[in-house]
Amino acid sequence: QSRLVESGGGLVQPGGSLNLSCAIFGSTLDYQAIGWFRQASGKEREGVSCITNGDVPYYAGFAKDRFTISRDNANKMLYLQMNDLKPEDTGVYYCAAEISGIVPQNWYCGHDVWGQGTLVTVSS
């Protein structure tokens, strides 16, 4: 019954900022982690950032020092503040939650429940 709904994407110039939001519907008490993935045109989906229920954050190399993940537990919201955006950040950004505890080999958090994605375009 859990559902994730992203928002906040749009068109931004290089060097600009966006704050993505993920609204979490349903129970999240059994979530092991939650975070963000992205997929650029013609490329594989990749992890951006995630945070565990123990509040341990993880970042991809490209996101470190530019992006910040945060949660508002009371309002059941997840955020991704993205600063100094680059054209290569362009893509569809997805919110995903880990329930099972199964974590892929190439990332820090699982992805059992997905949102529909929000498009980020970084261009002049």
N, C-alpha and C. Protein backbone atom coordinates (compact mmCIF):
# COMPACT_ATOMS: atom_id res chain seq x y z
N GLN A 1 0.80 -1.21 0.00
CA GLN A 1 0.00 0.00 0.00
C GLN A 1 0.84 1.27 0.00
N SER A 2 2.14 1.13 0.13
CA SER A 2 3.01 2.30 0.11
C SER A 2 3.10 2.87 -1.30
N ARG A 3 3.21 4.16 -1.37
CA ARG A 3 3.31 4.85 -2.63
C ARG A 3 4.21 6.07 -2.47
N LEU A 4 5.03 6.33 -3.48
CA LEU A 4 5.96 7.45 -3.49
C LEU A 4 5.62 8.36 -4.66
N VAL A 5 5.59 9.66 -4.41
CA VAL A 5 5.24 10.63 -5.44
C VAL A 5 6.28 11.74 -5.43
N GLU A 6 7.03 11.85 -6.52
CA GLU A 6 8.07 12.87 -6.63
C GLU A 6 7.51 14.16 -7.22
N SER A 7 8.18 15.25 -6.91
CA SER A 7 7.88 16.54 -7.52
C SER A 7 9.12 17.42 -7.40
N GLY A 8 9.10 18.54 -8.10
CA GLY A 8 10.17 19.52 -7.97
C GLY A 8 11.11 19.60 -9.15
N GLY A 9 10.98 18.71 -10.11
CA GLY A 9 11.83 18.77 -11.28
C GLY A 9 11.46 19.94 -12.17
N GLY A 10 12.30 20.20 -13.15
CA GLY A 10 12.06 21.29 -14.07
C GLY A 10 13.31 21.66 -14.81
N LEU A 11 13.26 22.79 -15.47
CA LEU A 11 14.38 23.31 -16.25
C LEU A 11 15.17 24.30 -15.41
N VAL A 12 16.47 24.09 -15.36
CA VAL A 12 17.35 24.97 -14.59
C VAL A 12 18.65 25.17 -15.36
N GLN A 13 19.26 26.33 -15.20
CA GLN A 13 20.52 26.61 -15.87
C GLN A 13 21.68 25.95 -15.15
N PRO A 14 22.76 25.66 -15.86
CA PRO A 14 23.95 25.15 -15.18
C PRO A 14 24.37 26.07 -14.04
N GLY A 15 24.74 25.46 -12.93
CA GLY A 15 25.07 26.21 -11.74
C GLY A 15 23.89 26.52 -10.85
N GLY A 16 22.70 26.26 -11.32
CA GLY A 16 21.51 26.51 -10.55
C GLY A 16 21.19 25.40 -9.57
N SER A 17 20.05 25.53 -8.92
CA SER A 17 19.64 24.61 -7.87
C SER A 17 18.20 24.17 -8.05
N LEU A 18 17.92 22.98 -7.56
CA LEU A 18 16.57 22.46 -7.47
C LEU A 18 16.44 21.68 -6.17
N ASN A 19 15.24 21.66 -5.64
CA ASN A 19 14.93 20.85 -4.47
C ASN A 19 13.82 19.88 -4.84
N LEU A 20 14.16 18.61 -4.93
CA LEU A 20 13.19 17.59 -5.24
C LEU A 20 12.51 17.10 -3.97
N SER A 21 11.24 16.76 -4.11
CA SER A 21 10.46 16.25 -2.99
C SER A 21 9.89 14.89 -3.33
N CYS A 22 9.77 14.06 -2.32
CA CYS A 22 9.14 12.76 -2.45
C CYS A 22 8.16 12.61 -1.30
N ALA A 23 6.89 12.55 -1.62
CA ALA A 23 5.86 12.33 -0.62
C ALA A 23 5.65 10.83 -0.44
N ILE A 24 5.60 10.42 0.81
CA ILE A 24 5.51 9.01 1.16
C ILE A 24 4.12 8.73 1.69
N PHE A 25 3.37 7.90 1.00
CA PHE A 25 2.02 7.52 1.41
C PHE A 25 2.03 6.09 1.93
N GLY A 26 1.25 5.84 2.95
CA GLY A 26 1.20 4.53 3.56
C GLY A 26 2.25 4.39 4.65
N SER A 27 2.34 3.19 5.19
CA SER A 27 3.26 2.93 6.29
C SER A 27 4.70 2.92 5.80
N THR A 28 5.56 3.55 6.57
CA THR A 28 6.99 3.55 6.27
C THR A 28 7.81 3.02 7.43
N LEU A 29 7.16 2.47 8.41
CA LEU A 29 7.86 2.01 9.60
C LEU A 29 8.80 0.85 9.30
N ASP A 30 8.49 0.06 8.29
CA ASP A 30 9.33 -1.08 7.95
C ASP A 30 10.32 -0.79 6.84
N TYR A 31 10.41 0.46 6.40
CA TYR A 31 11.39 0.82 5.39
C TYR A 31 12.79 0.78 5.97
N GLN A 32 13.70 0.13 5.29
CA GLN A 32 15.09 0.08 5.73
C GLN A 32 15.87 1.30 5.27
N ALA A 33 15.48 1.86 4.13
CA ALA A 33 16.15 3.02 3.59
C ALA A 33 15.26 3.65 2.53
N ILE A 34 15.56 4.87 2.18
CA ILE A 34 14.85 5.55 1.12
C ILE A 34 15.81 6.53 0.45
N GLY A 35 15.61 6.75 -0.84
CA GLY A 35 16.53 7.65 -1.52
C GLY A 35 16.15 7.91 -2.95
N TRP A 36 17.14 8.35 -3.71
CA TRP A 36 16.93 8.84 -5.05
C TRP A 36 17.81 8.11 -6.05
N PHE A 37 17.23 7.79 -7.19
CA PHE A 37 17.93 7.30 -8.36
C PHE A 37 17.67 8.26 -9.51
N ARG A 38 18.47 8.15 -10.55
CA ARG A 38 18.23 8.95 -11.73
C ARG A 38 18.58 8.15 -12.97
N GLN A 39 18.00 8.56 -14.10
CA GLN A 39 18.29 7.91 -15.36
C GLN A 39 18.33 8.96 -16.46
N ALA A 40 19.49 9.11 -17.06
CA ALA A 40 19.65 9.98 -18.20
C ALA A 40 19.30 9.23 -19.47
N SER A 41 18.94 9.97 -20.49
CA SER A 41 18.59 9.36 -21.77
C SER A 41 19.75 8.51 -22.29
N GLY A 42 19.47 7.27 -22.61
CA GLY A 42 20.47 6.38 -23.15
C GLY A 42 21.42 5.79 -22.14
N LYS A 43 21.21 6.05 -20.85
CA LYS A 43 22.09 5.55 -19.81
C LYS A 43 21.32 4.68 -18.82
N GLU A 44 22.06 3.93 -18.03
CA GLU A 44 21.45 3.09 -17.01
C GLU A 44 21.02 3.92 -15.82
N ARG A 45 20.00 3.43 -15.14
CA ARG A 45 19.58 4.07 -13.91
C ARG A 45 20.66 3.91 -12.85
N GLU A 46 20.91 4.98 -12.11
CA GLU A 46 21.98 4.96 -11.12
C GLU A 46 21.52 5.60 -9.82
N GLY A 47 22.13 5.17 -8.75
CA GLY A 47 21.83 5.75 -7.45
C GLY A 47 22.41 7.14 -7.33
N VAL A 48 21.67 8.01 -6.68
CA VAL A 48 22.10 9.38 -6.44
C VAL A 48 22.45 9.57 -4.97
N SER A 49 21.49 9.28 -4.12
CA SER A 49 21.66 9.43 -2.68
C SER A 49 20.58 8.64 -1.98
N CYS A 50 20.88 8.14 -0.80
CA CYS A 50 19.87 7.48 0.01
C CYS A 50 20.22 7.63 1.47
N ILE A 51 19.23 7.35 2.30
CA ILE A 51 19.43 7.47 3.74
C ILE A 51 18.73 6.30 4.41
N THR A 52 19.38 5.71 5.39
CA THR A 52 18.82 4.55 6.09
C THR A 52 17.91 4.99 7.22
N ASN A 53 17.18 4.02 7.76
CA ASN A 53 16.36 4.30 8.93
C ASN A 53 17.20 4.65 10.14
N GLY A 54 18.47 4.28 10.11
CA GLY A 54 19.40 4.71 11.13
C GLY A 54 19.99 6.08 10.85
N ASP A 55 19.48 6.76 9.83
CA ASP A 55 19.87 8.13 9.48
C ASP A 55 21.29 8.23 8.96
N VAL A 56 21.76 7.16 8.33
CA VAL A 56 23.07 7.19 7.69
C VAL A 56 22.87 7.55 6.22
N PRO A 57 23.41 8.68 5.77
CA PRO A 57 23.26 9.07 4.37
C PRO A 57 24.38 8.53 3.49
N TYR A 58 24.05 8.29 2.24
CA TYR A 58 25.02 7.86 1.25
C TYR A 58 24.86 8.72 0.00
N TYR A 59 25.98 8.96 -0.68
CA TYR A 59 25.96 9.77 -1.89
C TYR A 59 26.83 9.13 -2.95
N ALA A 60 26.36 9.21 -4.18
CA ALA A 60 27.21 8.89 -5.31
C ALA A 60 28.31 9.94 -5.42
N GLY A 61 29.39 9.57 -6.09
CA GLY A 61 30.51 10.49 -6.21
C GLY A 61 30.12 11.82 -6.83
N PHE A 62 29.26 11.77 -7.84
CA PHE A 62 28.86 13.01 -8.51
C PHE A 62 27.97 13.88 -7.64
N ALA A 63 27.36 13.28 -6.62
CA ALA A 63 26.45 14.02 -5.76
C ALA A 63 27.13 14.58 -4.52
N LYS A 64 28.22 13.99 -4.14
CA LYS A 64 28.93 14.43 -2.95
C LYS A 64 29.34 15.89 -3.08
N ASP A 65 29.06 16.66 -2.06
CA ASP A 65 29.39 18.09 -1.96
C ASP A 65 28.48 18.99 -2.78
N ARG A 66 27.58 18.42 -3.57
CA ARG A 66 26.63 19.23 -4.32
C ARG A 66 25.18 18.97 -3.92
N PHE A 67 24.87 17.72 -3.58
CA PHE A 67 23.51 17.34 -3.24
C PHE A 67 23.41 17.02 -1.76
N THR A 68 22.23 17.25 -1.20
CA THR A 68 21.98 16.93 0.19
C THR A 68 20.64 16.24 0.32
N ILE A 69 20.64 15.06 0.93
CA ILE A 69 19.40 14.34 1.16
C ILE A 69 18.91 14.63 2.58
N SER A 70 17.61 14.74 2.73
CA SER A 70 17.05 14.99 4.05
C SER A 70 15.64 14.42 4.12
N ARG A 71 15.17 14.25 5.34
CA ARG A 71 13.82 13.73 5.57
C ARG A 71 13.08 14.59 6.56
N ASP A 72 11.78 14.65 6.39
CA ASP A 72 10.88 15.23 7.36
C ASP A 72 9.96 14.09 7.79
N ASN A 73 10.34 13.42 8.85
CA ASN A 73 9.62 12.22 9.25
C ASN A 73 8.18 12.52 9.67
N ALA A 74 7.98 13.64 10.33
CA ALA A 74 6.64 13.99 10.80
C ALA A 74 5.67 14.16 9.64
N ASN A 75 6.15 14.75 8.56
CA ASN A 75 5.31 14.98 7.38
C ASN A 75 5.50 13.93 6.30
N LYS A 76 6.32 12.93 6.56
CA LYS A 76 6.56 11.82 5.63
C LYS A 76 6.99 12.34 4.27
N MET A 77 8.06 13.11 4.29
CA MET A 77 8.62 13.68 3.08
C MET A 77 10.11 13.40 3.00
N LEU A 78 10.59 13.19 1.81
CA LEU A 78 12.00 13.05 1.50
C LEU A 78 12.38 14.15 0.52
N TYR A 79 13.57 14.70 0.70
CA TYR A 79 14.02 15.79 -0.16
C TYR A 79 15.40 15.51 -0.72
N LEU A 80 15.68 16.11 -1.85
CA LEU A 80 17.02 16.13 -2.41
C LEU A 80 17.31 17.55 -2.86
N GLN A 81 18.13 18.24 -2.11
CA GLN A 81 18.57 19.57 -2.49
C GLN A 81 19.77 19.42 -3.42
N MET A 82 19.65 19.94 -4.62
CA MET A 82 20.68 19.82 -5.63
C MET A 82 21.20 21.21 -5.97
N ASN A 83 22.48 21.41 -5.74
CA ASN A 83 23.14 22.68 -6.02
C ASN A 83 24.21 22.50 -7.08
N ASP A 84 24.60 23.61 -7.69
CA ASP A 84 25.64 23.61 -8.71
C ASP A 84 25.35 22.55 -9.78
N LEU A 85 24.16 22.58 -10.30
CA LEU A 85 23.74 21.57 -11.26
C LEU A 85 24.50 21.69 -12.56
N LYS A 86 24.77 20.56 -13.16
CA LYS A 86 25.52 20.46 -14.39
C LYS A 86 24.65 19.80 -15.46
N PRO A 87 24.95 20.05 -16.74
CA PRO A 87 24.16 19.41 -17.79
C PRO A 87 24.09 17.90 -17.66
N GLU A 88 25.15 17.27 -17.17
CA GLU A 88 25.14 15.83 -17.01
C GLU A 88 24.24 15.34 -15.88
N ASP A 89 23.69 16.26 -15.10
CA ASP A 89 22.69 15.90 -14.10
C ASP A 89 21.31 15.73 -14.70
N THR A 90 21.15 16.06 -15.95
CA THR A 90 19.86 15.94 -16.61
C THR A 90 19.38 14.49 -16.61
N GLY A 91 18.12 14.30 -16.29
CA GLY A 91 17.55 12.97 -16.30
C GLY A 91 16.27 12.93 -15.50
N VAL A 92 15.67 11.76 -15.47
CA VAL A 92 14.50 11.54 -14.64
C VAL A 92 14.96 11.05 -13.28
N TYR A 93 14.51 11.72 -12.25
CA TYR A 93 14.88 11.39 -10.88
C TYR A 93 13.73 10.65 -10.21
N TYR A 94 14.06 9.51 -9.62
CA TYR A 94 13.08 8.65 -9.00
C TYR A 94 13.34 8.52 -7.51
N CYS A 95 12.29 8.56 -6.74
CA CYS A 95 12.33 8.21 -5.34
C CYS A 95 12.11 6.71 -5.21
N ALA A 96 12.86 6.06 -4.34
CA ALA A 96 12.72 4.62 -4.15
C ALA A 96 12.95 4.27 -2.70
N ALA A 97 12.17 3.31 -2.21
CA ALA A 97 12.26 2.86 -0.83
C ALA A 97 12.66 1.40 -0.77
N GLU A 98 13.49 1.08 0.19
CA GLU A 98 13.90 -0.30 0.46
C GLU A 98 13.07 -0.85 1.60
N ILE A 99 12.39 -1.95 1.34
CA ILE A 99 11.60 -2.62 2.36
C ILE A 99 12.22 -3.96 2.75
N SER A 100 12.67 -4.70 1.78
CA SER A 100 13.10 -6.08 1.96
C SER A 100 14.42 -6.23 2.70
N GLY A 101 15.24 -5.21 2.71
CA GLY A 101 16.58 -5.34 3.24
C GLY A 101 17.59 -5.83 2.22
N ILE A 102 17.14 -6.09 1.00
CA ILE A 102 18.03 -6.52 -0.06
C ILE A 102 18.64 -5.30 -0.72
N VAL A 103 19.95 -5.25 -0.74
CA VAL A 103 20.69 -4.12 -1.27
C VAL A 103 21.51 -4.58 -2.46
N PRO A 104 21.45 -3.87 -3.58
CA PRO A 104 22.24 -4.27 -4.74
C PRO A 104 23.73 -4.12 -4.47
N GLN A 105 24.52 -4.85 -5.25
CA GLN A 105 25.96 -4.85 -5.05
C GLN A 105 26.58 -3.49 -5.33
N ASN A 106 25.97 -2.74 -6.25
CA ASN A 106 26.57 -1.49 -6.70
C ASN A 106 25.96 -0.25 -6.07
N TRP A 107 25.21 -0.41 -5.02
CA TRP A 107 24.60 0.73 -4.36
C TRP A 107 24.43 0.44 -2.87
N TYR A 108 24.07 1.47 -2.12
CA TYR A 108 24.02 1.38 -0.68
C TYR A 108 22.64 1.00 -0.14
N CYS A 109 21.60 1.17 -0.94
CA CYS A 109 20.24 0.98 -0.50
C CYS A 109 19.45 0.21 -1.54
N GLY A 110 18.42 -0.49 -1.07
CA GLY A 110 17.57 -1.23 -1.98
C GLY A 110 16.52 -0.33 -2.60
N HIS A 111 15.71 -0.94 -3.46
CA HIS A 111 14.71 -0.17 -4.22
C HIS A 111 13.50 -1.05 -4.53
N ASP A 112 12.69 -1.27 -3.54
CA ASP A 112 11.52 -2.14 -3.67
C ASP A 112 10.26 -1.40 -4.11
N VAL A 113 10.15 -0.15 -3.77
CA VAL A 113 9.01 0.68 -4.12
C VAL A 113 9.52 1.92 -4.83
N TRP A 114 8.90 2.22 -5.97
CA TRP A 114 9.35 3.34 -6.81
C TRP A 114 8.27 4.38 -6.99
N GLY A 115 8.70 5.63 -7.10
CA GLY A 115 7.83 6.68 -7.56
C GLY A 115 7.82 6.74 -9.07
N GLN A 116 7.06 7.66 -9.61
CA GLN A 116 6.90 7.76 -11.06
C GLN A 116 8.00 8.56 -11.73
N GLY A 117 8.77 9.30 -10.97
CA GLY A 117 9.86 10.09 -11.50
C GLY A 117 9.48 11.53 -11.77
N THR A 118 10.48 12.39 -11.70
CA THR A 118 10.32 13.79 -12.05
C THR A 118 11.51 14.20 -12.90
N LEU A 119 11.25 14.92 -13.98
CA LEU A 119 12.28 15.23 -14.96
C LEU A 119 13.05 16.48 -14.56
N VAL A 120 14.37 16.34 -14.55
CA VAL A 120 15.28 17.45 -14.31
C VAL A 120 16.05 17.72 -15.59
N THR A 121 16.01 18.94 -16.06
CA THR A 121 16.75 19.33 -17.25
C THR A 121 17.65 20.50 -16.91
N VAL A 122 18.95 20.30 -17.08
CA VAL A 122 19.95 21.33 -16.80
C VAL A 122 20.52 21.78 -18.14
N SER A 123 20.17 22.98 -18.54
CA SER A 123 20.56 23.45 -19.86
C SER A 123 20.52 24.97 -19.90
N SER A 124 21.39 25.54 -20.73
CA SER A 124 21.37 26.97 -20.98
C SER A 124 20.38 27.33 -22.07
